Amino acid sequence: ILRSATKDWEYKTTIMNNAMVSHSQLIRYLAIAVERGLVNYSENSGLYRTTEAGQEYLGKYEQLILLLPTIPELPDLSDSEEIQQEI
């Protein structure tokens, strides 16, 4: 949601489509983002835009993702005799 309105003021529909969330999810998440100062809402135009604080949050989030190790696909152990013996 934050990434959907970083450059320009956007309508809810545009943000919803870009973020791939339902309307009810969008309403809930936007309310939280506005309340926490991550998104601004313009009552005159009905548009939303990510604040500087929201952009800073996005930057830190992206840095954190880079620090986390990638998790390889785990093997299917459902047929393993060792696991079945433990059960």
Protein backbone atom coordinates (compact mmCIF):
# COMPACT_ATOMS: atom_id res chain seq x y z
CA ILE A 1 0.00 0.00 0.00
CA LEU A 2 2.78 2.43 0.89
CA ARG A 3 4.59 1.66 -2.36
CA SER A 4 1.45 2.36 -4.39
CA ALA A 5 1.36 6.08 -3.64
CA THR A 6 4.96 7.18 -3.20
CA LYS A 7 5.28 9.41 -6.26
CA ASP A 8 1.82 10.86 -6.82
CA TRP A 9 -1.45 11.33 -5.00
CA GLU A 10 -3.60 8.27 -5.78
CA TYR A 11 -7.22 7.19 -5.52
CA LYS A 12 -8.16 4.26 -3.30
CA THR A 13 -8.98 2.18 -6.38
CA THR A 14 -5.50 2.64 -7.81
CA ILE A 15 -3.87 1.76 -4.49
CA MET A 16 -6.15 -1.27 -4.07
CA ASN A 17 -5.28 -2.57 -7.54
CA ASN A 18 -1.54 -1.93 -7.20
CA ALA A 19 -1.37 -3.48 -3.73
CA MET A 20 -3.63 -6.40 -4.73
CA VAL A 21 -5.81 -6.18 -1.62
CA SER A 22 -9.57 -6.30 -1.20
CA HIS A 23 -11.59 -3.15 -0.57
CA SER A 24 -12.18 -4.08 3.07
CA GLN A 25 -8.46 -4.73 3.61
CA LEU A 26 -7.59 -1.44 1.93
CA ILE A 27 -9.96 0.55 4.14
CA ARG A 28 -8.53 -1.04 7.28
CA TYR A 29 -4.87 -0.67 6.25
CA LEU A 30 -5.25 2.90 4.99
CA ALA A 31 -6.91 3.93 8.25
CA ILE A 32 -3.96 2.52 10.20
CA ALA A 33 -1.40 4.08 7.84
CA VAL A 34 -3.06 7.51 8.07
CA GLU A 35 -3.37 7.23 11.86
CA ARG A 36 0.34 6.41 12.16
CA GLY A 37 1.44 9.18 9.81
CA LEU A 38 2.64 6.89 7.03
CA VAL A 39 0.04 8.12 4.52
CA ASN A 40 -1.61 11.52 4.01
CA TYR A 41 -5.22 11.90 2.96
CA SER A 42 -6.47 14.97 1.10
CA GLU A 43 -10.08 15.72 2.01
CA ASN A 44 -10.30 18.15 -0.94
CA SER A 45 -9.41 15.59 -3.60
CA GLY A 46 -10.04 12.27 -1.83
CA LEU A 47 -6.52 11.16 -2.75
CA TYR A 48 -3.79 9.47 -0.71
CA ARG A 49 0.00 9.77 -0.74
CA THR A 50 2.77 8.11 1.22
CA THR A 51 4.44 10.54 3.63
CA GLU A 52 8.16 10.98 4.13
CA ALA A 53 7.85 8.81 7.25
CA GLY A 54 6.09 6.16 5.17
CA GLN A 55 8.86 6.24 2.58
CA GLU A 56 11.45 5.93 5.34
CA TYR A 57 9.56 2.93 6.73
CA LEU A 58 9.56 1.34 3.26
CA GLY A 59 13.30 1.86 2.93
CA LYS A 60 14.00 0.24 6.29
CA TYR A 61 11.66 -2.63 5.46
CA GLU A 62 13.50 -3.26 2.18
CA GLN A 63 16.85 -3.21 4.01
CA LEU A 64 15.54 -5.73 6.53
CA ILE A 65 14.37 -8.06 3.78
CA LEU A 66 17.87 -8.02 2.30
CA LEU A 67 19.37 -8.99 5.67
CA LEU A 68 17.13 -11.98 6.21
CA PRO A 69 18.43 -15.23 4.79
CA THR A 70 16.44 -16.80 2.03
CA ILE A 71 14.72 -20.01 3.02
CA PRO A 72 15.23 -22.81 0.53
CA GLU A 73 12.27 -24.97 -0.34
CA LEU A 74 12.01 -27.59 2.37
CA PRO A 75 11.92 -31.25 1.35
CA ASP A 76 8.70 -33.20 1.84
CA LEU A 77 9.33 -35.35 4.89
CA SER A 78 5.86 -36.87 5.16
CA ASP A 79 7.14 -40.25 3.90
CA SER A 80 10.21 -40.29 6.11
CA GLU A 81 10.37 -43.39 8.32
CA GLU A 82 12.22 -41.49 11.03
CA ILE A 83 9.46 -38.93 11.43
CA GLN A 84 6.75 -41.59 11.36
CA GLN A 85 8.52 -43.48 14.17
CA GLU A 86 8.50 -40.35 16.33
CA ILE A 87 4.75 -40.01 15.85
